[in-house]
Amino acid sequence: MIKKLINYLLDTRDRQRISIALSKGAAMMNARNIDLTQPASWEFSGFSQNGEDGILDVLRQQLLRNNRYFIEIGSSDGIENNSAWLVVAEKYSGIMIDGNPMLVERANRMVACYSIGAMCHNLFVTQDNVQDLKSMALHHDPDVFSLDIDGNDYYIAKAIMDGGFNPKIFVVEYNSVYGPERSITVEYRDDFVFTKVHPTQLYYGVSISAWRKFFGNHGYRFVTVDRNGVNAFFVDPAFFNETFLRGIKGREFAENQYQYRKFRLPSEKQFALIADQKFVSV
């Protein structure tokens, strides 16, 4: 019955993508030699792009208590993101959020096939409508909260935390173009779209140093960044064994490999391309 429903709801391309992601993820997951002190050994990608599935897998296993719930802002079509593995392979409940109605429609076809407790909502998240997100969520302390909107991430994260959310694991995208030391983010704009604000598409998001200050001020612990230099992971220590957290030797910073290949320049020289833009110190 479930197989028939999947075939009815999903087109051939999406069925193939899901099948490939599951096979790839399972193979990579089983091939790992996990060292709990070395997050690089945790990584694998089924539906995620940069090892996030694996890092989240290990962190979730270390939770002292859980509710098997996720929230992801910037979920795209529901297949290539940080929560699809949770929905398809782990049968988590939760909500995906995206500002593109066509992508949301595709995502809802997928999640309807794999989890009765998951749904995708169409919402372009701003500082002012985070309360809408709160009313959508069944849990305000999800096991996993993923934020990836390539723009106002810092301001949305602040509104999320100020609004009463307390995720156990928080994964955010950082922009390596700012380097490891600058503690900055972009100016807030309700209609921020990184592909339009600057021709290089490098003016977006938050530096790793700014994220570490932000989450540190909220009592969170830094875990690592992924090897491709895209995501940073933070945890609420109240939900983890202190010995586990103390033992982690995470990667502090990594160049975004996609940006490095595109520009063939290290982060400092990439930053020179947008140095005339307006930044906010954190």
C-alpha atoms as a PDB file:
ATOM      1  CA  MET A   1       0.000   0.000   0.000  1.00  0.00           C
ATOM      2  CA  ILE A   2       2.790   2.419   0.938  1.00  0.00           C
ATOM      3  CA  LYS A   3       4.709   1.598  -2.253  1.00  0.00           C
ATOM      4  CA  LYS A   4       1.603   2.312  -4.348  1.00  0.00           C
ATOM      5  CA  LEU A   5       1.112   5.658  -2.575  1.00  0.00           C
ATOM      6  CA  ILE A   6       4.725   6.636  -3.209  1.00  0.00           C
ATOM      7  CA  ASN A   7       4.446   5.768  -6.891  1.00  0.00           C
ATOM      8  CA  TYR A   8       1.224   7.780  -7.155  1.00  0.00           C
ATOM      9  CA  LEU A   9       2.475  10.913  -5.418  1.00  0.00           C
ATOM     10  CA  LEU A  10       6.056  11.132  -6.627  1.00  0.00           C
ATOM     11  CA  ASP A  11       7.210  11.524 -10.187  1.00  0.00           C
ATOM     12  CA  THR A  12       9.847   9.194 -11.614  1.00  0.00           C
ATOM     13  CA  ARG A  13      12.705  11.643 -11.136  1.00  0.00           C
ATOM     14  CA  ASP A  14      11.994  12.204  -7.456  1.00  0.00           C
ATOM     15  CA  ARG A  15      11.538   8.473  -6.802  1.00  0.00           C
ATOM     16  CA  GLN A  16      14.952   7.882  -8.363  1.00  0.00           C
ATOM     17  CA  ARG A  17      16.555  10.671  -6.333  1.00  0.00           C
ATOM     18  CA  ILE A  18      15.163   9.266  -3.091  1.00  0.00           C
ATOM     19  CA  SER A  19      16.270   5.736  -3.943  1.00  0.00           C
ATOM     20  CA  ILE A  20      19.785   6.930  -4.801  1.00  0.00           C
ATOM     21  CA  ALA A  21      19.997   9.049  -1.651  1.00  0.00           C
ATOM     22  CA  LEU A  22      18.951   6.143   0.562  1.00  0.00           C
ATOM     23  CA  SER A  23      21.403   3.748  -1.072  1.00  0.00           C
ATOM     24  CA  LYS A  24      24.265   6.231  -0.999  1.00  0.00           C
ATOM     25  CA  GLY A  25      23.542   7.243   2.579  1.00  0.00           C
ATOM     26  CA  ALA A  26      23.321   3.663   3.829  1.00  0.00           C
ATOM     27  CA  ALA A  27      26.589   2.722   2.133  1.00  0.00           C
ATOM     28  CA  MET A  28      28.438   5.754   3.481  1.00  0.00           C
ATOM     29  CA  MET A  29      26.941   5.376   6.957  1.00  0.00           C
ATOM     30  CA  ASN A  30      28.021   1.743   7.237  1.00  0.00           C
ATOM     31  CA  ALA A  31      31.496   2.486   5.878  1.00  0.00           C
ATOM     32  CA  ARG A  32      32.279   4.979   8.638  1.00  0.00           C
ATOM     33  CA  ASN A  33      34.782   4.237  11.373  1.00  0.00           C
ATOM     34  CA  ILE A  34      33.333   6.535  14.017  1.00  0.00           C
ATOM     35  CA  ASP A  35      35.575   8.193  16.571  1.00  0.00           C
ATOM     36  CA  LEU A  36      33.382  10.177  18.954  1.00  0.00           C
ATOM     37  CA  THR A  37      36.165  12.731  19.425  1.00  0.00           C
ATOM     38  CA  GLN A  38      36.556  13.393  15.683  1.00  0.00           C
ATOM     39  CA  PRO A  39      33.449  14.811  13.946  1.00  0.00           C
ATOM     40  CA  ALA A  40      35.088  14.391  10.534  1.00  0.00           C
ATOM     41  CA  SER A  41      34.639  10.634  11.043  1.00  0.00           C
ATOM     42  CA  TRP A  42      30.894  11.085  11.601  1.00  0.00           C
ATOM     43  CA  GLU A  43      30.074  12.546   8.198  1.00  0.00           C
ATOM     44  CA  PHE A  44      27.977  10.941   5.505  1.00  0.00           C
ATOM     45  CA  SER A  45      25.563  12.359   2.947  1.00  0.00           C
ATOM     46  CA  GLY A  46      22.395  10.666   1.808  1.00  0.00           C
ATOM     47  CA  PHE A  47      20.088  13.602   1.215  1.00  0.00           C
ATOM     48  CA  SER A  48      22.384  16.306   2.593  1.00  0.00           C
ATOM     49  CA  GLN A  49      25.200  17.848   0.580  1.00  0.00           C
ATOM     50  CA  ASN A  50      28.085  18.166   3.018  1.00  0.00           C
ATOM     51  CA  GLY A  51      28.141  15.329   5.521  1.00  0.00           C
ATOM     52  CA  GLU A  52      25.335  16.797   7.633  1.00  0.00           C
ATOM     53  CA  ASP A  53      23.348  13.542   7.713  1.00  0.00           C
ATOM     54  CA  GLY A  54      26.238  11.811   9.458  1.00  0.00           C
ATOM     55  CA  ILE A  55      27.042  14.550  11.947  1.00  0.00           C
ATOM     56  CA  LEU A  56      23.393  14.810  12.919  1.00  0.00           C
ATOM     57  CA  ASP A  57      23.174  11.022  13.150  1.00  0.00           C
ATOM     58  CA  VAL A  58      25.926  10.848  15.773  1.00  0.00           C
ATOM     59  CA  LEU A  59      24.689  13.865  17.724  1.00  0.00           C
ATOM     60  CA  ARG A  60      21.148  12.493  17.808  1.00  0.00           C
ATOM     61  CA  GLN A  61      22.434   9.176  19.156  1.00  0.00           C
ATOM     62  CA  GLN A  62      24.147  11.033  21.979  1.00  0.00           C
ATOM     63  CA  LEU A  63      21.013  12.880  23.125  1.00  0.00           C
ATOM     64  CA  LEU A  64      20.052  12.098  26.712  1.00  0.00           C
ATOM     65  CA  ARG A  65      16.379  12.529  25.803  1.00  0.00           C
ATOM     66  CA  ASN A  66      14.605  13.212  22.535  1.00  0.00           C
ATOM     67  CA  ASN A  67      11.234  13.906  20.933  1.00  0.00           C
ATOM     68  CA  ARG A  68      12.113  12.802  17.379  1.00  0.00           C
ATOM     69  CA  TYR A  69      11.049  16.162  16.007  1.00  0.00           C
ATOM     70  CA  PHE A  70      12.822  18.535  13.605  1.00  0.00           C
ATOM     71  CA  ILE A  71      12.384  21.998  12.142  1.00  0.00           C
ATOM     72  CA  GLU A  72      14.168  23.099   8.980  1.00  0.00           C
ATOM     73  CA  ILE A  73      14.011  26.566   7.432  1.00  0.00           C
ATOM     74  CA  GLY A  74      15.246  26.576   3.853  1.00  0.00           C
ATOM     75  CA  SER A  75      14.224  23.028   2.968  1.00  0.00           C
ATOM     76  CA  SER A  76      14.091  23.433  -0.832  1.00  0.00           C
ATOM     77  CA  ASP A  77      12.139  20.609  -2.534  1.00  0.00           C
ATOM     78  CA  GLY A  78      12.264  18.371   0.529  1.00  0.00           C
ATOM     79  CA  ILE A  79      14.778  15.926  -0.906  1.00  0.00           C
ATOM     80  CA  GLU A  80      18.144  17.699  -0.876  1.00  0.00           C
ATOM     81  CA  ASN A  81      18.350  19.152   2.618  1.00  0.00           C
ATOM     82  CA  ASN A  82      19.258  18.380   6.234  1.00  0.00           C
ATOM     83  CA  SER A  83      15.955  16.863   7.338  1.00  0.00           C
ATOM     84  CA  ALA A  84      15.032  14.497   4.484  1.00  0.00           C
ATOM     85  CA  TRP A  85      17.124  11.704   6.022  1.00  0.00           C
ATOM     86  CA  LEU A  86      15.203  12.179   9.269  1.00  0.00           C
ATOM     87  CA  VAL A  87      11.871  11.925   7.436  1.00  0.00           C
ATOM     88  CA  VAL A  88      12.639   9.103   4.999  1.00  0.00           C
ATOM     89  CA  ALA A  89      15.110   6.902   6.873  1.00  0.00           C
ATOM     90  CA  GLU A  90      14.272   7.707  10.510  1.00  0.00           C
ATOM     91  CA  LYS A  91      10.540   8.480  10.252  1.00  0.00           C
ATOM     92  CA  TYR A  92      10.863  11.687  12.280  1.00  0.00           C
ATOM     93  CA  SER A  93       8.021  14.160  12.635  1.00  0.00           C
ATOM     94  CA  GLY A  94       8.577  17.842  12.039  1.00  0.00           C
ATOM     95  CA  ILE A  95       8.187  20.763   9.700  1.00  0.00           C
ATOM     96  CA  MET A  96      10.081  21.942   6.668  1.00  0.00           C
ATOM     97  CA  ILE A  97       9.788  25.605   5.704  1.00  0.00           C
ATOM     98  CA  ASP A  98      10.538  27.161   2.334  1.00  0.00           C
ATOM     99  CA  GLY A  99       9.620  30.397   0.594  1.00  0.00           C
ATOM    100  CA  ASN A 100       9.088  28.865  -2.841  1.00  0.00           C
ATOM    101  CA  PRO A 101       5.530  27.484  -3.238  1.00  0.00           C
ATOM    102  CA  MET A 102       6.473  25.143  -6.089  1.00  0.00           C
ATOM    103  CA  LEU A 103       9.247  23.557  -4.027  1.00  0.00           C
ATOM    104  CA  VAL A 104       6.903  23.263  -1.050  1.00  0.00           C
ATOM    105  CA  GLU A 105       4.354  21.400  -3.161  1.00  0.00           C
ATOM    106  CA  ARG A 106       7.023  18.894  -4.228  1.00  0.00           C
ATOM    107  CA  ALA A 107       8.270  18.542  -0.658  1.00  0.00           C
ATOM    108  CA  ASN A 108       4.790  17.784   0.649  1.00  0.00           C
ATOM    109  CA  ARG A 109       4.372  14.997  -1.891  1.00  0.00           C
ATOM    110  CA  MET A 110       7.553  13.442  -0.551  1.00  0.00           C
ATOM    111  CA  VAL A 111       6.952  13.824   3.182  1.00  0.00           C
ATOM    112  CA  ALA A 112       3.379  12.524   2.870  1.00  0.00           C
ATOM    113  CA  CYS A 113       4.801   9.211   1.686  1.00  0.00           C
ATOM    114  CA  TYR A 114       7.256   8.680   4.518  1.00  0.00           C
ATOM    115  CA  SER A 115       6.041  10.322   7.730  1.00  0.00           C
ATOM    116  CA  ILE A 116       2.550  10.985   9.006  1.00  0.00           C
ATOM    117  CA  GLY A 117       3.969  13.633  11.338  1.00  0.00           C
ATOM    118  CA  ALA A 118       5.950  15.701   8.834  1.00  0.00           C
ATOM    119  CA  MET A 119       4.796  18.597   6.655  1.00  0.00           C
ATOM    120  CA  CYS A 120       6.262  21.385   4.547  1.00  0.00           C
ATOM    121  CA  HIS A 121       4.938  24.949   4.867  1.00  0.00           C
ATOM    122  CA  ASN A 122       5.278  27.816   2.429  1.00  0.00           C
ATOM    123  CA  LEU A 123       6.694  30.776   4.360  1.00  0.00           C
ATOM    124  CA  PHE A 124       9.382  33.341   3.557  1.00  0.00           C
ATOM    125  CA  VAL A 125      10.669  33.713   7.089  1.00  0.00           C
ATOM    126  CA  THR A 126      11.378  37.215   8.407  1.00  0.00           C
ATOM    127  CA  GLN A 127      12.068  38.674  11.835  1.00  0.00           C
ATOM    128  CA  ASP A 128       8.402  39.563  12.127  1.00  0.00           C
ATOM    129  CA  ASN A 129       6.749  36.245  11.296  1.00  0.00           C
ATOM    130  CA  VAL A 130       8.766  33.828  13.435  1.00  0.00           C
ATOM    131  CA  GLN A 131       5.726  33.597  15.729  1.00  0.00           C
ATOM    132  CA  ASP A 132       3.891  32.015  12.800  1.00  0.00           C
ATOM    133  CA  LEU A 133       6.557  29.330  12.841  1.00  0.00           C
ATOM    134  CA  LYS A 134       6.062  28.843  16.562  1.00  0.00           C
ATOM    135  CA  SER A 135       2.352  28.236  16.080  1.00  0.00           C
ATOM    136  CA  MET A 136       3.101  25.636  13.378  1.00  0.00           C
ATOM    137  CA  ALA A 137       5.543  23.629  15.494  1.00  0.00           C
ATOM    138  CA  LEU A 138       4.340  20.876  17.812  1.00  0.00           C
ATOM    139  CA  HIS A 139       7.585  21.086  19.799  1.00  0.00           C
ATOM    140  CA  HIS A 140       9.640  24.174  20.541  1.00  0.00           C
ATOM    141  CA  ASP A 141      12.604  22.064  21.670  1.00  0.00           C
ATOM    142  CA  PRO A 142      13.131  19.930  18.557  1.00  0.00           C
ATOM    143  CA  ASP A 143      15.987  17.457  18.461  1.00  0.00           C
ATOM    144  CA  VAL A 144      17.241  19.190  15.306  1.00  0.00           C
ATOM    145  CA  PHE A 145      16.787  22.726  14.014  1.00  0.00           C
ATOM    146  CA  SER A 146      18.372  23.502  10.651  1.00  0.00           C
ATOM    147  CA  LEU A 147      18.630  27.038   9.268  1.00  0.00           C
ATOM    148  CA  ASP A 148      19.889  27.680   5.747  1.00  0.00           C
ATOM    149  CA  ILE A 149      18.423  30.677   3.935  1.00  0.00           C
ATOM    150  CA  ASP A 150      21.586  32.274   2.501  1.00  0.00           C
ATOM    151  CA  GLY A 151      20.811  35.723   3.792  1.00  0.00           C
ATOM    152  CA  ASN A 152      19.231  36.944   7.011  1.00  0.00           C
ATOM    153  CA  ASP A 153      20.240  33.815   8.941  1.00  0.00           C
ATOM    154  CA  TYR A 154      21.630  35.708  11.950  1.00  0.00           C
ATOM    155  CA  TYR A 155      18.488  37.792  12.444  1.00  0.00           C
ATOM    156  CA  ILE A 156      16.181  34.810  11.996  1.00  0.00           C
ATOM    157  CA  ALA A 157      18.203  32.754  14.479  1.00  0.00           C
ATOM    158  CA  LYS A 158      17.972  35.624  16.979  1.00  0.00           C
ATOM    159  CA  ALA A 159      14.196  35.850  16.512  1.00  0.00           C
ATOM    160  CA  ILE A 160      13.924  32.074  16.910  1.00  0.00           C
ATOM    161  CA  MET A 161      15.831  32.026  20.179  1.00  0.00           C
ATOM    162  CA  ASP A 162      14.153  35.184  21.493  1.00  0.00           C
ATOM    163  CA  GLY A 163      10.797  33.669  20.521  1.00  0.00           C
ATOM    164  CA  GLY A 164      11.135  30.784  22.934  1.00  0.00           C
ATOM    165  CA  PHE A 165      12.609  27.968  20.847  1.00  0.00           C
ATOM    166  CA  ASN A 166      15.232  25.769  22.500  1.00  0.00           C
ATOM    167  CA  PRO A 167      16.585  23.262  19.970  1.00  0.00           C
ATOM    168  CA  LYS A 168      18.829  20.489  21.250  1.00  0.00           C
ATOM    169  CA  ILE A 169      20.966  20.535  18.089  1.00  0.00           C
ATOM    170  CA  PHE A 170      21.189  23.618  15.890  1.00  0.00           C
ATOM    171  CA  VAL A 171      22.856  23.456  12.475  1.00  0.00           C
ATOM    172  CA  VAL A 172      23.433  26.711  10.592  1.00  0.00           C
ATOM    173  CA  GLU A 173      25.186  27.667   7.387  1.00  0.00           C
ATOM    174  CA  TYR A 174      28.140  30.027   7.721  1.00  0.00           C
ATOM    175  CA  ASN A 175      29.864  32.046   5.021  1.00  0.00           C
ATOM    176  CA  SER A 176      33.579  31.233   4.870  1.00  0.00           C
ATOM    177  CA  VAL A 177      34.247  34.301   2.711  1.00  0.00           C
ATOM    178  CA  TYR A 178      34.374  36.304   5.967  1.00  0.00           C
ATOM    179  CA  GLY A 179      37.263  34.186   7.223  1.00  0.00           C
ATOM    180  CA  PRO A 180      37.723  32.670  10.702  1.00  0.00           C
ATOM    181  CA  GLU A 181      38.241  35.932  12.626  1.00  0.00           C
ATOM    182  CA  ARG A 182      35.710  38.524  11.428  1.00  0.00           C
ATOM    183  CA  SER A 183      32.556  38.562  13.549  1.00  0.00           C
ATOM    184  CA  ILE A 184      30.074  39.980  11.051  1.00  0.00           C
ATOM    185  CA  THR A 185      26.857  39.450   9.146  1.00  0.00           C
ATOM    186  CA  VAL A 186      24.955  41.227   6.372  1.00  0.00           C
ATOM    187  CA  GLU A 187      22.508  44.076   6.892  1.00  0.00           C
ATOM    188  CA  TYR A 188      18.953  42.886   7.444  1.00  0.00           C
ATOM    189  CA  ARG A 189      16.465  43.155   4.585  1.00  0.00           C
ATOM    190  CA  ASP A 190      13.004  41.601   4.612  1.00  0.00           C
ATOM    191  CA  ASP A 191      13.352  40.661   0.948  1.00  0.00           C
ATOM    192  CA  PHE A 192      16.985  39.490   1.017  1.00  0.00           C
ATOM    193  CA  VAL A 193      17.825  37.139  -1.881  1.00  0.00           C
ATOM    194  CA  PHE A 194      21.550  36.494  -2.140  1.00  0.00           C
ATOM    195  CA  THR A 195      21.470  35.853  -5.879  1.00  0.00           C
ATOM    196  CA  LYS A 196      20.236  39.419  -6.417  1.00  0.00           C
ATOM    197  CA  VAL A 197      22.048  41.588  -3.873  1.00  0.00           C
ATOM    198  CA  HIS A 198      25.537  41.225  -5.361  1.00  0.00           C
ATOM    199  CA  PRO A 199      26.808  39.831  -8.681  1.00  0.00           C
ATOM    200  CA  THR A 200      29.373  37.568  -6.987  1.00  0.00           C
ATOM    201  CA  GLN A 201      26.661  35.957  -4.802  1.00  0.00           C
ATOM    202  CA  LEU A 202      29.184  36.103  -1.942  1.00  0.00           C
ATOM    203  CA  TYR A 203      27.350  38.717   0.137  1.00  0.00           C
ATOM    204  CA  TYR A 204      25.133  36.674   2.442  1.00  0.00           C
ATOM    205  CA  GLY A 205      24.901  35.056   5.827  1.00  0.00           C
ATOM    206  CA  VAL A 206      27.098  34.979   8.890  1.00  0.00           C
ATOM    207  CA  SER A 207      30.753  34.411   9.752  1.00  0.00           C
ATOM    208  CA  ILE A 208      31.738  31.434  11.888  1.00  0.00           C
ATOM    209  CA  SER A 209      33.080  33.767  14.581  1.00  0.00           C
ATOM    210  CA  ALA A 210      29.728  35.586  14.765  1.00  0.00           C
ATOM    211  CA  TRP A 211      27.844  32.309  15.065  1.00  0.00           C
ATOM    212  CA  ARG A 212      30.101  31.154  17.873  1.00  0.00           C
ATOM    213  CA  LYS A 213      29.492  34.390  19.773  1.00  0.00           C
ATOM    214  CA  PHE A 214      25.758  34.214  19.176  1.00  0.00           C
ATOM    215  CA  PHE A 215      25.290  30.622  20.296  1.00  0.00           C
ATOM    216  CA  GLY A 216      27.772  31.000  23.136  1.00  0.00           C
ATOM    217  CA  ASN A 217      25.635  33.835  24.498  1.00  0.00           C
ATOM    218  CA  HIS A 218      22.678  31.442  24.482  1.00  0.00           C
ATOM    219  CA  GLY A 219      24.544  28.747  26.386  1.00  0.00           C
ATOM    220  CA  TYR A 220      25.225  26.485  23.401  1.00  0.00           C
ATOM    221  CA  ARG A 221      28.460  24.617  22.722  1.00  0.00           C
ATOM    222  CA  PHE A 222      30.239  24.621  19.377  1.00  0.00           C
ATOM    223  CA  VAL A 223      30.806  21.130  17.937  1.00  0.00           C
ATOM    224  CA  THR A 224      32.372  21.457  14.487  1.00  0.00           C
ATOM    225  CA  VAL A 225      32.065  22.675  10.927  1.00  0.00           C
ATOM    226  CA  ASP A 226      31.805  20.190   8.082  1.00  0.00           C
ATOM    227  CA  ARG A 227      34.776  19.442   5.849  1.00  0.00           C
ATOM    228  CA  ASN A 228      33.270  21.305   2.881  1.00  0.00           C
ATOM    229  CA  GLY A 229      33.118  24.535   4.869  1.00  0.00           C
ATOM    230  CA  VAL A 230      29.360  25.088   4.700  1.00  0.00           C
ATOM    231  CA  ASN A 231      27.670  24.206   8.009  1.00  0.00           C
ATOM    232  CA  ALA A 232      28.382  24.763  11.703  1.00  0.00           C
ATOM    233  CA  PHE A 233      26.890  22.624  14.484  1.00  0.00           C
ATOM    234  CA  PHE A 234      25.950  23.735  17.987  1.00  0.00           C
ATOM    235  CA  VAL A 235      24.307  21.857  20.858  1.00  0.00           C
ATOM    236  CA  ASP A 236      22.541  22.621  24.109  1.00  0.00           C
ATOM    237  CA  PRO A 237      24.808  20.933  26.687  1.00  0.00           C
ATOM    238  CA  ALA A 238      21.843  20.162  28.940  1.00  0.00           C
ATOM    239  CA  PHE A 239      20.920  17.326  26.568  1.00  0.00           C
ATOM    240  CA  PHE A 240      24.363  15.712  26.281  1.00  0.00           C
ATOM    241  CA  ASN A 241      26.848  13.900  28.453  1.00  0.00           C
ATOM    242  CA  GLU A 242      29.574  16.348  29.474  1.00  0.00           C
ATOM    243  CA  THR A 243      32.322  13.778  28.920  1.00  0.00           C
ATOM    244  CA  PHE A 244      31.213  13.381  25.301  1.00  0.00           C
ATOM    245  CA  LEU A 245      31.171  17.146  24.713  1.00  0.00           C
ATOM    246  CA  ARG A 246      34.567  17.717  26.339  1.00  0.00           C
ATOM    247  CA  GLY A 247      36.141  15.039  24.189  1.00  0.00           C
ATOM    248  CA  ILE A 248      35.082  16.507  20.839  1.00  0.00           C
ATOM    249  CA  LYS A 249      37.913  17.937  18.741  1.00  0.00           C
ATOM    250  CA  GLY A 250      35.917  19.652  16.022  1.00  0.00           C
ATOM    251  CA  ARG A 251      37.110  21.485  12.955  1.00  0.00           C
ATOM    252  CA  GLU A 252      37.171  25.220  13.772  1.00  0.00           C
ATOM    253  CA  PHE A 253      36.949  26.570  10.204  1.00  0.00           C
ATOM    254  CA  ALA A 254      37.017  25.338   6.631  1.00  0.00           C
ATOM    255  CA  GLU A 255      36.945  27.119   3.287  1.00  0.00           C
ATOM    256  CA  ASN A 256      33.684  26.706   1.384  1.00  0.00           C
ATOM    257  CA  GLN A 257      34.816  24.298  -1.313  1.00  0.00           C
ATOM    258  CA  TYR A 258      32.121  25.343  -3.776  1.00  0.00           C
ATOM    259  CA  GLN A 259      33.125  29.010  -3.556  1.00  0.00           C
ATOM    260  CA  TYR A 260      36.812  28.125  -3.685  1.00  0.00           C
ATOM    261  CA  ARG A 261      36.344  26.125  -6.895  1.00  0.00           C
ATOM    262  CA  LYS A 262      34.223  28.863  -8.441  1.00  0.00           C
ATOM    263  CA  PHE A 263      36.584  31.773  -7.738  1.00  0.00           C
ATOM    264  CA  ARG A 264      39.876  29.886  -7.359  1.00  0.00           C
ATOM    265  CA  LEU A 265      40.697  32.258  -4.520  1.00  0.00           C
ATOM    266  CA  PRO A 266      41.025  31.788  -0.734  1.00  0.00           C
ATOM    267  CA  SER A 267      38.452  33.437   1.522  1.00  0.00           C
ATOM    268  CA  GLU A 268      40.507  36.584   2.129  1.00  0.00           C
ATOM    269  CA  LYS A 269      40.703  37.354  -1.577  1.00  0.00           C
ATOM    270  CA  GLN A 270      37.044  36.460  -2.048  1.00  0.00           C
ATOM    271  CA  PHE A 271      36.167  38.938   0.690  1.00  0.00           C
ATOM    272  CA  ALA A 272      37.964  41.678  -1.241  1.00  0.00           C
ATOM    273  CA  LEU A 273      35.292  41.276  -3.932  1.00  0.00           C
ATOM    274  CA  ILE A 274      32.556  42.369  -1.516  1.00  0.00           C
ATOM    275  CA  ALA A 275      34.529  44.521   0.935  1.00  0.00           C
ATOM    276  CA  ASP A 276      32.627  47.648  -0.148  1.00  0.00           C
ATOM    277  CA  GLN A 277      29.291  46.204   1.048  1.00  0.00           C
ATOM    278  CA  LYS A 278      27.651  47.070   4.374  1.00  0.00           C
ATOM    279  CA  PHE A 279      28.286  44.670   7.250  1.00  0.00           C
ATOM    280  CA  VAL A 280      27.055  44.498  10.827  1.00  0.00           C
ATOM    281  CA  SER A 281      29.481  43.611  13.601  1.00  0.00           C
ATOM    282  CA  VAL A 282      28.356  40.924  16.029  1.00  0.00           C
END
